[in-house]
Amino acid sequence: MAGATASNAVLSDNLTIPLIDFSAFIYGDKATTLSTAQAILRGFQDAGFIYLKNHPIDSSTIQRTFDLSAKFFSRLLEEKDALSWTTPEANRGYSGQGREKTSNAFDSNDIAKEREQAGDDLKESFEIGLEGVDGMPNHWPDQADRDGKVFKEHMLDFFGQLHELHMQIMRAMAVGLGIERTWFDSYCDEGDNTLRLLHYPEVKAEVFKQNKNQVRAGAHSDYGSITLLFQDMRGGLQVLSPNGNFIDATPIVDTIVVNAGDLLSRWSNDTIKSTKHRVMEPPTPADTHPARYSIAYFCNPNFESLIDAIPSTYDGVEGKKYEAVKSGEYIVQRLSATY
């Protein structure tokens, strides 16, 4: 780890997820900036996951987002269904329980088999994409009432703050890789990202006892470049260890869990890991587990960007493992199988 800028958030079963002081990258001297960037990159290379503390997103803003999310999910089902998710291309709107099955499979038939074994994921979600994209409007509740207008205004502001953090993390990765600090900027500046609000409803422990395969969200890796995840304190997130076991990624107050996605792994010529994770029954014993909320910001390269191996991750053309792929086409392919 990089001196005082990093410690361990998770250390179990050969899985080490670092806890990194991101302010050391933003405000540190040249040597501290470099060592912090290298610690971030190493976390993605070794575990596919890091935790960030002392990041630029204010804790009151995060709490406000959780509060507004809970208030949205408490709406009547018919109000939420009126804002339903439509297509993989748009990837915006509300998805009720059973609509999506998180999975690593590309084929919808394989995902259907997973549903038979494990049942539906015990969650509902609301997707917010880049505002103002022609033919792909966000599905806001702002026409319903004043609360809907407040929700829209806050989420748009939050989306913008997270996009800026996305850019900063990609700059840290570039520094760690030893390439130009702004190398990723032209690939990520459009903000073709997705803000996902997640609600895992209250559930009786008996549900998990009756079906040992039951999950709140099935094992999967994410599709894009990185994901910024805000957890509440309920617990349940688990990350796959190098030994093949799922290990608790315990919530830490005022941190963001950041994980690498499949497209970044491909982009880095597999030098960065996209690690499977899932949401299970909370670790605290209870007859009834209370609702869990999380907020995920899925970061992608601009959808029109052609993704080819990053400089410094391969030697010669023969060293490239993958053909170049357009970012948007890859993301839509993965979403098409999931819904």
Foldseek 3Di string as FASTA:
>chain_A
DQPPQWDFLDDPPQATAIEGACVQLVPNDPVSVLSRLLVLLVNQLRALKYKYFNDDDDPVLVVVLVVLLVVVVPDDPVLQVVFDDDALLQRFGKDDWPRFAADADLALVVSVVLCVQANTAQKIKGKDWDDDDPPRHHRFSVVVDPSRVVNVVSVNVVLVVVLVVVQQSQLSNCSSLVHHSNPCCLFFVVRGKMKMKMKRAKFFPVVCVVRVNYFNHDKHFAAAAKKKKDWDQQWFKWWQHPVGDTHTSGDDPRMIMMGGGPLNCLQLLNSGDRTIMGGGDGPDDDRMRHMIIMMMMGGHTPQQDWRFHDPSSADPPVGRPDDIDRGSVRSSSRVVSGD
